[in-house]
Amino acid sequence: MITSEPDRVNAAVARMRQAGLRTTTARRAVLDLLAQAVVSRGHLTPAQLHHALLARGLTVELSTVHRVLRQLVDLGIAHTVPVGRTVTFGLADDPHHHAVCRQCGDMRQLPADAVAASLTAARALGIDPDTPGQPTGVVVYGDCATCRQVGH
């Protein structure tokens, strides 16, 4: 398991190079932002990434952010988690699973051992969740304690 932010980015850059992709300013900046989001267990939307890049003084189009994210997902460097009507992106260097509040979008990581039985059940049904090169992930949707109290 890679734990430091620079190690996460360096490992992702190495995977991109192995796949024949150059380390462009946009790719590197998106990777840096995704690695920073890991600390808070967060994922980012393309719009959030775009705004953060602009705030750093990088002139980049939203379409470029989408293209970079698609490349990272295709390489298994990043993964997607649908939250409401949008899709969030996070680094996939450490296999993990998510619990997402349907109301506020709060996202938490689920321990891998807590999800192991579901993955085993999927395999028993003939579904292989361990597609080579693609991160495995289970997403559970529900309502967080705060939203249940507020009654959203």
C-alpha atoms as a PDB file:
ATOM      1  CA  MET A   1       0.000   0.000   0.000  1.00  0.00           C
ATOM      2  CA  ILE A   2       1.372   3.409  -0.997  1.00  0.00           C
ATOM      3  CA  THR A   3       0.843   5.920   1.765  1.00  0.00           C
ATOM      4  CA  SER A   4       2.555   9.222   1.002  1.00  0.00           C
ATOM      5  CA  GLU A   5       1.178  11.770  -1.423  1.00  0.00           C
ATOM      6  CA  PRO A   6       4.427  12.037  -3.459  1.00  0.00           C
ATOM      7  CA  ASP A   7       4.692   8.230  -3.650  1.00  0.00           C
ATOM      8  CA  ARG A   8       1.106   7.998  -4.931  1.00  0.00           C
ATOM      9  CA  VAL A   9       1.790  10.576  -7.641  1.00  0.00           C
ATOM     10  CA  ASN A  10       5.149   9.044  -8.607  1.00  0.00           C
ATOM     11  CA  ALA A  11       3.598   5.576  -8.911  1.00  0.00           C
ATOM     12  CA  ALA A  12       0.807   6.981 -11.095  1.00  0.00           C
ATOM     13  CA  VAL A  13       3.293   8.861 -13.288  1.00  0.00           C
ATOM     14  CA  ALA A  14       5.292   5.655 -13.733  1.00  0.00           C
ATOM     15  CA  ARG A  15       2.130   3.791 -14.828  1.00  0.00           C
ATOM     16  CA  MET A  16       1.281   6.550 -17.305  1.00  0.00           C
ATOM     17  CA  ARG A  17       4.776   6.409 -18.796  1.00  0.00           C
ATOM     18  CA  GLN A  18       4.579   2.610 -19.075  1.00  0.00           C
ATOM     19  CA  ALA A  19       1.366   3.101 -21.047  1.00  0.00           C
ATOM     20  CA  GLY A  20       3.115   5.569 -23.347  1.00  0.00           C
ATOM     21  CA  LEU A  21       1.532   8.751 -21.991  1.00  0.00           C
ATOM     22  CA  ARG A  22       3.603  11.861 -21.412  1.00  0.00           C
ATOM     23  CA  THR A  23       3.482  13.623 -18.081  1.00  0.00           C
ATOM     24  CA  THR A  24       1.794  16.817 -19.206  1.00  0.00           C
ATOM     25  CA  THR A  25       1.180  19.715 -16.862  1.00  0.00           C
ATOM     26  CA  ALA A  26      -2.554  18.956 -16.818  1.00  0.00           C
ATOM     27  CA  ARG A  27      -2.070  15.242 -16.066  1.00  0.00           C
ATOM     28  CA  ARG A  28       0.414  15.955 -13.307  1.00  0.00           C
ATOM     29  CA  ALA A  29      -1.790  18.641 -11.746  1.00  0.00           C
ATOM     30  CA  VAL A  30      -4.865  16.373 -11.773  1.00  0.00           C
ATOM     31  CA  LEU A  31      -2.831  13.583 -10.153  1.00  0.00           C
ATOM     32  CA  ASP A  32      -1.545  15.990  -7.493  1.00  0.00           C
ATOM     33  CA  LEU A  33      -5.098  17.090  -6.663  1.00  0.00           C
ATOM     34  CA  LEU A  34      -6.405  13.516  -6.525  1.00  0.00           C
ATOM     35  CA  ALA A  35      -3.512  12.534  -4.232  1.00  0.00           C
ATOM     36  CA  GLN A  36      -4.257  15.479  -1.947  1.00  0.00           C
ATOM     37  CA  ALA A  37      -7.905  14.407  -1.777  1.00  0.00           C
ATOM     38  CA  VAL A  38      -6.855  10.962  -0.497  1.00  0.00           C
ATOM     39  CA  VAL A  39      -5.860  12.514   2.830  1.00  0.00           C
ATOM     40  CA  SER A  40      -9.440  13.550   3.492  1.00  0.00           C
ATOM     41  CA  ARG A  41     -10.727  10.308   1.920  1.00  0.00           C
ATOM     42  CA  GLY A  42     -12.336  12.532  -0.635  1.00  0.00           C
ATOM     43  CA  HIS A  43     -13.068  12.218  -4.273  1.00  0.00           C
ATOM     44  CA  LEU A  44     -13.433  15.140  -6.613  1.00  0.00           C
ATOM     45  CA  THR A  45     -15.783  15.981  -9.447  1.00  0.00           C
ATOM     46  CA  PRO A  46     -14.405  17.177 -12.771  1.00  0.00           C
ATOM     47  CA  ALA A  47     -15.748  20.657 -11.977  1.00  0.00           C
ATOM     48  CA  GLN A  48     -13.990  20.706  -8.591  1.00  0.00           C
ATOM     49  CA  LEU A  49     -10.748  19.645 -10.247  1.00  0.00           C
ATOM     50  CA  HIS A  50     -11.172  22.274 -12.948  1.00  0.00           C
ATOM     51  CA  HIS A  51     -11.767  25.049 -10.400  1.00  0.00           C
ATOM     52  CA  ALA A  52      -8.754  23.929  -8.336  1.00  0.00           C
ATOM     53  CA  LEU A  53      -6.550  23.929 -11.437  1.00  0.00           C
ATOM     54  CA  LEU A  54      -7.696  27.434 -12.354  1.00  0.00           C
ATOM     55  CA  ALA A  55      -7.047  28.566  -8.762  1.00  0.00           C
ATOM     56  CA  ARG A  56      -3.475  27.295  -9.149  1.00  0.00           C
ATOM     57  CA  GLY A  57      -3.105  29.496 -12.205  1.00  0.00           C
ATOM     58  CA  LEU A  58      -3.291  26.679 -14.735  1.00  0.00           C
ATOM     59  CA  THR A  59      -5.238  27.599 -17.840  1.00  0.00           C
ATOM     60  CA  VAL A  60      -6.922  24.329 -18.733  1.00  0.00           C
ATOM     61  CA  GLU A  61     -10.265  23.570 -20.332  1.00  0.00           C
ATOM     62  CA  LEU A  62     -12.879  21.473 -18.545  1.00  0.00           C
ATOM     63  CA  SER A  63     -12.809  19.114 -21.536  1.00  0.00           C
ATOM     64  CA  THR A  64      -9.104  18.520 -20.859  1.00  0.00           C
ATOM     65  CA  VAL A  65      -9.889  17.607 -17.254  1.00  0.00           C
ATOM     66  CA  HIS A  66     -12.499  15.107 -18.486  1.00  0.00           C
ATOM     67  CA  ARG A  67     -10.052  13.635 -20.998  1.00  0.00           C
ATOM     68  CA  VAL A  68      -7.295  13.272 -18.371  1.00  0.00           C
ATOM     69  CA  LEU A  69      -9.704  11.619 -15.937  1.00  0.00           C
ATOM     70  CA  ARG A  70     -10.884   9.145 -18.589  1.00  0.00           C
ATOM     71  CA  GLN A  71      -7.248   8.257 -19.353  1.00  0.00           C
ATOM     72  CA  LEU A  72      -6.501   7.733 -15.663  1.00  0.00           C
ATOM     73  CA  VAL A  73      -9.574   5.532 -15.229  1.00  0.00           C
ATOM     74  CA  ASP A  74      -8.707   3.523 -18.348  1.00  0.00           C
ATOM     75  CA  LEU A  75      -5.233   2.875 -16.899  1.00  0.00           C
ATOM     76  CA  GLY A  76      -6.669   1.881 -13.503  1.00  0.00           C
ATOM     77  CA  ILE A  77      -4.940   4.835 -11.816  1.00  0.00           C
ATOM     78  CA  ALA A  78      -8.250   6.454 -10.870  1.00  0.00           C
ATOM     79  CA  HIS A  79     -11.759   5.173 -10.307  1.00  0.00           C
ATOM     80  CA  THR A  80     -15.222   6.630 -10.314  1.00  0.00           C
ATOM     81  CA  VAL A  81     -17.902   6.726  -7.651  1.00  0.00           C
ATOM     82  CA  PRO A  82     -21.354   8.012  -8.627  1.00  0.00           C
ATOM     83  CA  VAL A  83     -22.748  10.463  -6.069  1.00  0.00           C
ATOM     84  CA  GLY A  84     -26.218  11.687  -6.861  1.00  0.00           C
ATOM     85  CA  ARG A  85     -26.275  12.932 -10.434  1.00  0.00           C
ATOM     86  CA  THR A  86     -22.541  13.414 -10.721  1.00  0.00           C
ATOM     87  CA  VAL A  87     -19.488  11.213 -10.836  1.00  0.00           C
ATOM     88  CA  THR A  88     -16.550  11.690  -8.511  1.00  0.00           C
ATOM     89  CA  PHE A  89     -12.994  10.532  -9.106  1.00  0.00           C
ATOM     90  CA  GLY A  90     -10.377   9.202  -6.707  1.00  0.00           C
ATOM     91  CA  LEU A  91      -7.037   7.457  -6.895  1.00  0.00           C
ATOM     92  CA  ALA A  92      -7.274   3.702  -7.219  1.00  0.00           C
ATOM     93  CA  ASP A  93      -3.783   2.839  -5.996  1.00  0.00           C
ATOM     94  CA  ASP A  94      -5.163   1.358  -2.786  1.00  0.00           C
ATOM     95  CA  PRO A  95      -8.177  -0.904  -3.357  1.00  0.00           C
ATOM     96  CA  HIS A  96     -11.037   0.371  -1.248  1.00  0.00           C
ATOM     97  CA  HIS A  97     -14.807   0.512  -1.071  1.00  0.00           C
ATOM     98  CA  HIS A  98     -17.255   3.304  -0.333  1.00  0.00           C
ATOM     99  CA  ALA A  99     -20.410   4.128   1.581  1.00  0.00           C
ATOM    100  CA  VAL A 100     -22.176   7.190   0.149  1.00  0.00           C
ATOM    101  CA  CYS A 101     -25.015   9.218   1.632  1.00  0.00           C
ATOM    102  CA  ARG A 102     -27.783   9.642  -0.962  1.00  0.00           C
ATOM    103  CA  GLN A 103     -28.830  12.936   0.588  1.00  0.00           C
ATOM    104  CA  CYS A 104     -25.668  14.987   1.160  1.00  0.00           C
ATOM    105  CA  GLY A 105     -23.105  12.976  -0.807  1.00  0.00           C
ATOM    106  CA  ASP A 106     -20.866  12.334   2.205  1.00  0.00           C
ATOM    107  CA  MET A 107     -18.499   9.514   1.305  1.00  0.00           C
ATOM    108  CA  ARG A 108     -16.669   7.164   3.666  1.00  0.00           C
ATOM    109  CA  GLN A 109     -14.367   4.254   3.047  1.00  0.00           C
ATOM    110  CA  LEU A 110     -15.555   0.792   3.961  1.00  0.00           C
ATOM    111  CA  PRO A 111     -13.010  -1.671   5.354  1.00  0.00           C
ATOM    112  CA  ALA A 112     -12.011  -4.227   2.711  1.00  0.00           C
ATOM    113  CA  ASP A 113     -12.694  -7.137   5.060  1.00  0.00           C
ATOM    114  CA  ALA A 114     -16.268  -5.912   5.553  1.00  0.00           C
ATOM    115  CA  VAL A 115     -16.882  -6.203   1.799  1.00  0.00           C
ATOM    116  CA  ALA A 116     -15.017  -9.470   1.246  1.00  0.00           C
ATOM    117  CA  ALA A 117     -18.137 -11.652   1.626  1.00  0.00           C
ATOM    118  CA  SER A 118     -19.957  -9.676  -1.090  1.00  0.00           C
ATOM    119  CA  LEU A 119     -17.039 -10.084  -3.495  1.00  0.00           C
ATOM    120  CA  THR A 120     -16.928 -13.818  -2.750  1.00  0.00           C
ATOM    121  CA  ALA A 121     -20.682 -14.063  -3.387  1.00  0.00           C
ATOM    122  CA  ALA A 122     -20.280 -12.266  -6.731  1.00  0.00           C
ATOM    123  CA  ARG A 123     -17.564 -14.724  -7.784  1.00  0.00           C
ATOM    124  CA  ALA A 124     -19.802 -17.642  -6.775  1.00  0.00           C
ATOM    125  CA  LEU A 125     -22.467 -16.227  -9.133  1.00  0.00           C
ATOM    126  CA  GLY A 126     -19.957 -16.073 -11.974  1.00  0.00           C
ATOM    127  CA  ILE A 127     -19.208 -12.348 -11.737  1.00  0.00           C
ATOM    128  CA  ASP A 128     -15.486 -11.608 -11.498  1.00  0.00           C
ATOM    129  CA  PRO A 129     -15.034  -8.270  -9.707  1.00  0.00           C
ATOM    130  CA  ASP A 130     -11.249  -8.449 -10.131  1.00  0.00           C
ATOM    131  CA  THR A 131     -10.968  -7.371 -13.761  1.00  0.00           C
ATOM    132  CA  PRO A 132      -7.259  -7.052 -14.589  1.00  0.00           C
ATOM    133  CA  GLY A 133      -6.181  -3.421 -14.755  1.00  0.00           C
ATOM    134  CA  GLN A 134      -9.459  -2.147 -13.339  1.00  0.00           C
ATOM    135  CA  PRO A 135      -9.901  -1.323  -9.675  1.00  0.00           C
ATOM    136  CA  THR A 136     -12.421  -3.358  -7.746  1.00  0.00           C
ATOM    137  CA  GLY A 137     -14.833  -1.325  -5.712  1.00  0.00           C
ATOM    138  CA  VAL A 138     -18.134  -1.734  -3.981  1.00  0.00           C
ATOM    139  CA  VAL A 139     -20.339   1.292  -3.340  1.00  0.00           C
ATOM    140  CA  VAL A 140     -23.115   1.152  -0.735  1.00  0.00           C
ATOM    141  CA  TYR A 141     -25.703   3.943  -0.761  1.00  0.00           C
ATOM    142  CA  GLY A 142     -27.775   4.988   2.215  1.00  0.00           C
ATOM    143  CA  ASP A 143     -28.468   7.939   4.511  1.00  0.00           C
ATOM    144  CA  CYS A 144     -25.863   9.249   6.954  1.00  0.00           C
ATOM    145  CA  ALA A 145     -26.696   9.916  10.619  1.00  0.00           C
ATOM    146  CA  THR A 146     -26.805  13.684  10.100  1.00  0.00           C
ATOM    147  CA  CYS A 147     -29.281  13.469   7.226  1.00  0.00           C
ATOM    148  CA  ARG A 148     -31.446  11.019   9.163  1.00  0.00           C
ATOM    149  CA  GLN A 149     -31.572  13.468  12.097  1.00  0.00           C
ATOM    150  CA  VAL A 150     -32.346  16.473   9.920  1.00  0.00           C
ATOM    151  CA  GLY A 151     -34.908  14.465   7.992  1.00  0.00           C
ATOM    152  CA  HIS A 152     -33.768  15.368   4.471  1.00  0.00           C
END
